[in-house]
């Protein structure tokens, strides 16, 4: 059994650690709220983009953004550079690996944690730095250009992105989005007869390539922001769980401390009483 001095040091350590966790929790909350105000949704942009595709008959296009040249799949796993996320990064990588098990291809990892988990699984991958808030737009454009270049070069035919999305401040979900082959949701139920007759200034293939180019940049920028929000959210939840475990440990230490203290007091009193009886006799 631990001595009183050791138990007291453990209790003091837990108190200091609890204060540190509280500070980290407050930082995560502040970071989440600040970024949440800066996140922009591009729903209107996607609606306008869909209206352009309504003027183009994709049925006869052979562009690699619409008709993949082969089945090789590129999967982007968006993870973080730091930990304390309660396994969220691991779940992102695992979901990406499941996609590659179904359709062989290439794993592209964003973030240091994803690199670690990919190495642990002995999977080859292409690595990119983790997302930085002040560089998020530039990183999204860089990733967009890299992925489209790989598609044009024929490195892979399809493209999916796996990332964590915050459903609320305390709930996150790992989602998978198909980027390519590009299939606008607004055109899934459209018939050929509904396509208006248009005079195109540029070839339809070039128009589609440019529209997909714009859409991918905005979508990646949005996903990078949501991933960062999920990171702060998951960190808060993980820290809160750690704090509760620490409080449970501290309660057990306190019980041990008071039990040991009472036993010491009882033993001291018995020794004093025995000594007094011995001296009196």
Protein backbone atom coordinates (compact mmCIF):
# COMPACT_ATOMS: atom_id res chain seq x y z
CA UNK A 1 0.00 0.00 0.00
CA UNK A 2 1.23 3.50 -0.86
CA UNK A 3 2.42 5.74 1.94
CA UNK A 4 0.68 8.98 2.88
CA UNK A 5 3.40 11.09 1.28
CA UNK A 6 3.16 9.20 -2.03
CA UNK A 7 -0.64 9.41 -2.04
CA UNK A 8 -0.49 13.13 -1.33
CA UNK A 9 1.95 13.69 -4.21
CA UNK A 10 -0.31 11.71 -6.55
CA UNK A 11 -3.30 13.84 -5.51
CA UNK A 12 -1.36 17.06 -6.10
CA UNK A 13 -0.25 15.79 -9.51
CA UNK A 14 -3.84 14.95 -10.46
CA UNK A 15 -4.94 18.42 -9.39
CA UNK A 16 -2.31 20.07 -11.58
CA UNK A 17 -3.14 17.78 -14.49
CA UNK A 18 -6.86 18.55 -14.13
CA UNK A 19 -6.11 22.27 -14.31
CA UNK A 20 -4.05 21.72 -17.46
CA UNK A 21 -6.83 19.69 -19.09
CA UNK A 22 -9.32 22.45 -18.27
CA UNK A 23 -7.09 24.96 -20.03
CA UNK A 24 -6.77 22.70 -23.08
CA UNK A 25 -10.55 22.25 -23.16
CA UNK A 26 -11.10 26.00 -23.13
CA UNK A 27 -8.57 26.43 -25.94
CA UNK A 28 -10.36 23.79 -28.03
CA UNK A 29 -13.70 25.53 -27.47
CA UNK A 30 -12.26 28.93 -28.44
CA UNK A 31 -10.61 27.51 -31.57
CA UNK A 32 -13.84 25.80 -32.58
CA UNK A 33 -15.96 28.95 -32.16
CA UNK A 34 -13.46 31.15 -34.01
CA UNK A 35 -13.19 28.80 -36.97
CA UNK A 36 -16.94 28.12 -37.04
CA UNK A 37 -17.57 31.82 -37.70
CA UNK A 38 -15.14 31.75 -40.64
CA UNK A 39 -16.42 28.57 -42.29
CA UNK A 40 -18.41 29.27 -45.45
CA UNK A 41 -20.93 26.98 -47.10
CA UNK A 42 -20.92 26.70 -50.89
CA UNK A 43 -24.42 25.30 -51.36
CA UNK A 44 -25.49 28.21 -53.58
CA UNK A 45 -22.34 27.82 -55.63
CA UNK A 46 -23.09 24.15 -56.19
CA UNK A 47 -26.65 24.99 -57.25
CA UNK A 48 -25.37 27.49 -59.81
CA UNK A 49 -22.80 24.96 -60.95
CA UNK A 50 -25.51 22.35 -61.41
CA UNK A 51 -27.46 24.77 -63.62
CA UNK A 52 -24.49 24.91 -66.01
CA UNK A 53 -24.37 21.13 -66.24
CA UNK A 54 -28.03 21.12 -67.19
CA UNK A 55 -26.95 22.70 -70.48
CA UNK A 56 -24.40 19.99 -71.26
CA UNK A 57 -25.14 16.46 -72.41
CA UNK A 58 -22.61 14.35 -70.48
CA UNK A 59 -23.73 11.14 -72.14
CA UNK A 60 -21.35 11.46 -75.07
CA UNK A 61 -18.36 12.99 -73.28
CA UNK A 62 -15.23 10.89 -72.85
CA UNK A 63 -13.39 13.27 -70.53
CA UNK A 64 -11.56 11.44 -67.67
CA UNK A 65 -13.42 13.57 -65.12
CA UNK A 66 -16.67 12.01 -66.36
CA UNK A 67 -15.59 8.66 -67.84
CA UNK A 68 -12.73 7.07 -65.90
CA UNK A 69 -10.06 5.40 -67.99
CA UNK A 70 -9.63 2.54 -65.53
CA UNK A 71 -10.78 1.38 -62.08
CA UNK A 72 -7.72 2.45 -60.08
CA UNK A 73 -8.96 4.53 -57.15
CA UNK A 74 -7.34 7.48 -55.43
CA UNK A 75 -8.42 7.91 -51.79
CA UNK A 76 -7.59 11.04 -49.79
CA UNK A 77 -7.59 10.62 -45.99
CA UNK A 78 -7.79 13.96 -44.15
CA UNK A 79 -6.22 13.65 -40.68
CA UNK A 80 -4.58 16.02 -38.19
CA UNK A 81 -1.03 16.76 -37.11
CA UNK A 82 -1.76 16.35 -33.40
CA UNK A 83 -3.39 13.77 -31.19
CA UNK A 84 -5.91 13.85 -28.34
CA UNK A 85 -8.75 13.14 -30.76
CA UNK A 86 -9.94 9.87 -29.25
CA UNK A 87 -9.20 7.67 -32.26
CA UNK A 88 -10.84 9.92 -34.87
CA UNK A 89 -7.72 9.98 -37.08
CA UNK A 90 -7.45 6.20 -36.94
CA UNK A 91 -11.08 5.86 -37.99
CA UNK A 92 -10.47 8.12 -41.02
CA UNK A 93 -7.49 6.01 -42.14
CA UNK A 94 -9.35 2.75 -41.53
CA UNK A 95 -12.29 3.93 -43.65
CA UNK A 96 -9.88 4.94 -46.42
CA UNK A 97 -8.25 1.50 -46.31
CA UNK A 98 -11.67 -0.16 -46.56
CA UNK A 99 -12.29 1.81 -49.76
CA UNK A 100 -8.97 0.60 -51.15
CA UNK A 101 -9.75 -2.99 -50.19
CA UNK A 102 -12.90 -2.79 -52.31
CA UNK A 103 -11.19 -1.03 -55.22
CA UNK A 104 -7.36 -1.13 -55.41
CA UNK A 105 -5.58 2.18 -55.84
CA UNK A 106 -3.47 4.83 -54.14
CA UNK A 107 -3.77 6.28 -50.64
CA UNK A 108 -3.09 10.01 -50.21
CA UNK A 109 -2.70 11.08 -46.58
CA UNK A 110 -3.01 14.61 -45.23
CA UNK A 111 -1.62 15.10 -41.71
CA UNK A 112 1.06 13.53 -39.53
CA UNK A 113 -1.29 11.24 -37.61
CA UNK A 114 -2.54 9.66 -40.80
CA UNK A 115 1.05 8.98 -41.86
CA UNK A 116 1.71 7.17 -38.58
CA UNK A 117 -1.37 4.94 -38.89
CA UNK A 118 -0.66 4.22 -42.57
CA UNK A 119 2.90 3.16 -41.70
CA UNK A 120 1.58 0.98 -38.90
CA UNK A 121 -0.66 -0.76 -41.44
CA UNK A 122 2.30 -1.07 -43.85
CA UNK A 123 0.43 0.70 -46.63
CA UNK A 124 2.20 2.79 -49.25
CA UNK A 125 0.92 6.36 -49.45
CA UNK A 126 1.56 9.85 -50.76
CA UNK A 127 1.94 12.31 -47.88
CA UNK A 128 0.90 15.95 -47.57
CA UNK A 129 1.28 18.33 -44.59
CA UNK A 130 -1.55 18.76 -42.13
CA UNK A 131 -4.10 21.53 -42.56
CA UNK A 132 -3.13 24.97 -41.22
CA UNK A 133 -5.95 27.46 -40.69
CA UNK A 134 -4.07 30.38 -42.21
CA UNK A 135 -3.00 28.27 -45.22
CA UNK A 136 -6.22 26.30 -45.71
CA UNK A 137 -7.23 27.87 -49.02
CA UNK A 138 -3.78 27.53 -50.56
CA UNK A 139 -3.57 23.90 -49.38
CA UNK A 140 -6.99 23.14 -50.90
CA UNK A 141 -5.94 24.58 -54.26
CA UNK A 142 -2.64 22.70 -54.14
CA UNK A 143 -4.42 19.43 -53.40
CA UNK A 144 -7.00 20.09 -56.14
CA UNK A 145 -4.28 20.69 -58.72
CA UNK A 146 -2.35 17.59 -57.66
CA UNK A 147 -5.39 15.32 -57.82
CA UNK A 148 -6.62 16.57 -61.19
CA UNK A 149 -3.13 16.24 -62.65
CA UNK A 150 -3.00 12.63 -61.48
CA UNK A 151 -6.40 11.95 -63.07
CA UNK A 152 -5.32 13.48 -66.38
CA UNK A 153 -2.05 11.52 -66.30
CA UNK A 154 -4.01 8.32 -65.73
CA UNK A 155 -2.53 7.54 -62.30
CA UNK A 156 -6.03 6.66 -61.12
CA UNK A 157 -9.52 6.79 -62.55
CA UNK A 158 -11.79 7.47 -59.58
CA UNK A 159 -11.32 9.74 -56.57
CA UNK A 160 -12.79 9.68 -53.07
CA UNK A 161 -12.13 11.85 -50.01
CA UNK A 162 -12.51 10.54 -46.43
CA UNK A 163 -12.71 13.18 -43.72
CA UNK A 164 -14.20 13.84 -40.25
CA UNK A 165 -17.30 16.05 -40.19
CA UNK A 166 -18.72 17.69 -37.03
CA UNK A 167 -22.43 17.01 -36.65
CA UNK A 168 -22.44 19.14 -33.50
CA UNK A 169 -19.93 20.45 -31.02
CA UNK A 170 -19.69 17.05 -29.32
CA UNK A 171 -20.48 14.63 -32.16
CA UNK A 172 -18.33 13.84 -35.20
CA UNK A 173 -18.81 11.45 -38.09
CA UNK A 174 -16.33 10.17 -40.67
CA UNK A 175 -17.75 10.70 -44.16
CA UNK A 176 -16.66 9.54 -47.62
CA UNK A 177 -17.39 11.67 -50.68
CA UNK A 178 -16.96 10.60 -54.28
CA UNK A 179 -15.28 13.35 -56.27
CA UNK A 180 -14.61 11.58 -59.56
CA UNK A 181 -16.08 10.38 -61.81
CA UNK A 182 -18.08 13.56 -61.44
CA UNK A 183 -21.85 13.01 -61.31
CA UNK A 184 -23.92 16.14 -60.56
CA UNK A 185 -26.83 15.23 -58.30
CA UNK A 186 -29.17 17.48 -60.26
CA UNK A 187 -28.70 15.37 -63.41
CA UNK A 188 -29.41 11.90 -62.04
CA UNK A 189 -33.07 11.92 -63.11
CA UNK A 190 -32.75 14.05 -66.24
CA UNK A 191 -33.56 12.65 -69.68
CA UNK A 192 -31.76 13.58 -72.88
CA UNK A 193 -34.91 15.26 -74.22
CA UNK A 194 -34.72 17.84 -71.40
CA UNK A 195 -31.33 19.18 -72.54
CA UNK A 196 -31.78 22.50 -74.38
CA UNK A 197 -30.10 23.17 -77.69
CA UNK A 198 -27.13 25.48 -77.05
CA UNK A 199 -24.30 27.03 -78.99
CA UNK A 200 -21.08 26.45 -77.04
CA UNK A 201 -18.19 28.88 -77.35
CA UNK A 202 -15.81 26.19 -76.07
CA UNK A 203 -15.96 22.39 -76.50
CA UNK A 204 -18.22 20.73 -73.88
CA UNK A 205 -15.29 18.67 -72.58
CA UNK A 206 -13.34 21.83 -71.76
CA UNK A 207 -16.38 23.38 -70.09
CA UNK A 208 -16.86 20.29 -67.92
CA UNK A 209 -13.16 20.24 -67.01
CA UNK A 210 -13.27 23.87 -65.90
CA UNK A 211 -16.49 23.47 -63.91
CA UNK A 212 -15.12 20.39 -62.14
CA UNK A 213 -11.90 22.32 -61.51
CA UNK A 214 -13.87 25.10 -59.78
CA UNK A 215 -16.09 22.70 -57.83
CA UNK A 216 -13.21 20.60 -56.51
CA UNK A 217 -11.33 23.63 -55.23
CA UNK A 218 -14.33 24.96 -53.30
CA UNK A 219 -15.30 21.50 -52.02
CA UNK A 220 -11.81 20.71 -50.74
CA UNK A 221 -11.61 24.12 -49.06
CA UNK A 222 -14.94 23.41 -47.33
CA UNK A 223 -13.86 19.89 -46.31
CA UNK A 224 -10.57 21.16 -44.89
CA UNK A 225 -12.48 23.64 -42.73
CA UNK A 226 -14.95 21.02 -41.51
CA UNK A 227 -12.08 18.65 -40.73
CA UNK A 228 -10.46 21.28 -38.54
CA UNK A 229 -13.77 21.87 -36.76
CA UNK A 230 -14.12 18.14 -36.16
CA UNK A 231 -10.57 18.09 -34.80
CA UNK A 232 -11.31 20.76 -32.17
CA UNK A 233 -14.62 19.10 -31.33
CA UNK A 234 -13.07 15.64 -30.93
CA UNK A 235 -10.24 17.07 -28.85
CA UNK A 236 -12.72 18.69 -26.45
CA UNK A 237 -14.69 15.44 -26.10
CA UNK A 238 -11.53 13.41 -25.54
CA UNK A 239 -10.23 15.86 -22.94
CA UNK A 240 -13.59 15.84 -21.16
CA UNK A 241 -13.52 12.04 -21.01
CA UNK A 242 -9.94 12.13 -19.74
CA UNK A 243 -10.92 14.65 -17.08
CA UNK A 244 -13.74 12.42 -15.86
CA UNK A 245 -11.37 9.44 -15.65
CA UNK A 246 -8.90 11.59 -13.77
CA UNK A 247 -11.60 12.62 -11.29
CA UNK A 248 -12.49 8.96 -10.71
CA UNK A 249 -8.82 8.18 -10.07
CA UNK A 250 -8.57 11.16 -7.73
CA UNK A 251 -11.61 9.98 -5.75
CA UNK A 252 -10.00 6.55 -5.30
CA UNK A 253 -6.73 8.19 -4.23
CA UNK A 254 -8.60 10.31 -1.68
CA UNK A 255 -10.26 7.25 -0.21
CA UNK A 256 -6.89 5.52 0.02
CA UNK A 257 -5.34 8.64 1.53
CA UNK A 258 -7.98 9.06 4.26
CA UNK A 259 -8.00 5.34 4.96
CA UNK A 260 -4.21 5.32 5.36
CA UNK A 261 -4.39 8.49 7.47
CA UNK A 262 -7.01 7.04 9.79
CA UNK A 263 -5.04 3.81 10.12
CA UNK A 264 -1.94 5.85 11.01
CA UNK A 265 -3.87 7.86 13.62
CA UNK A 266 -5.38 4.68 15.11
CA UNK A 267 -2.01 2.99 15.24
CA UNK A 268 -0.41 6.03 16.89
CA UNK A 269 -3.19 6.24 19.47
CA UNK A 270 -2.87 2.53 20.27
CA UNK A 271 0.87 2.86 20.67
CA UNK A 272 0.48 5.89 22.97
CA UNK A 273 -2.20 4.12 25.02
CA UNK A 274 -0.03 1.00 25.32
CA UNK A 275 2.97 3.08 26.32
CA UNK A 276 0.94 4.92 28.97
CA UNK A 277 -0.35 1.63 30.47
CA UNK A 278 3.17 0.24 30.50
CA UNK A 279 4.52 3.37 32.18
CA UNK A 280 1.69 3.39 34.75
CA UNK A 281 2.41 -0.20 35.75
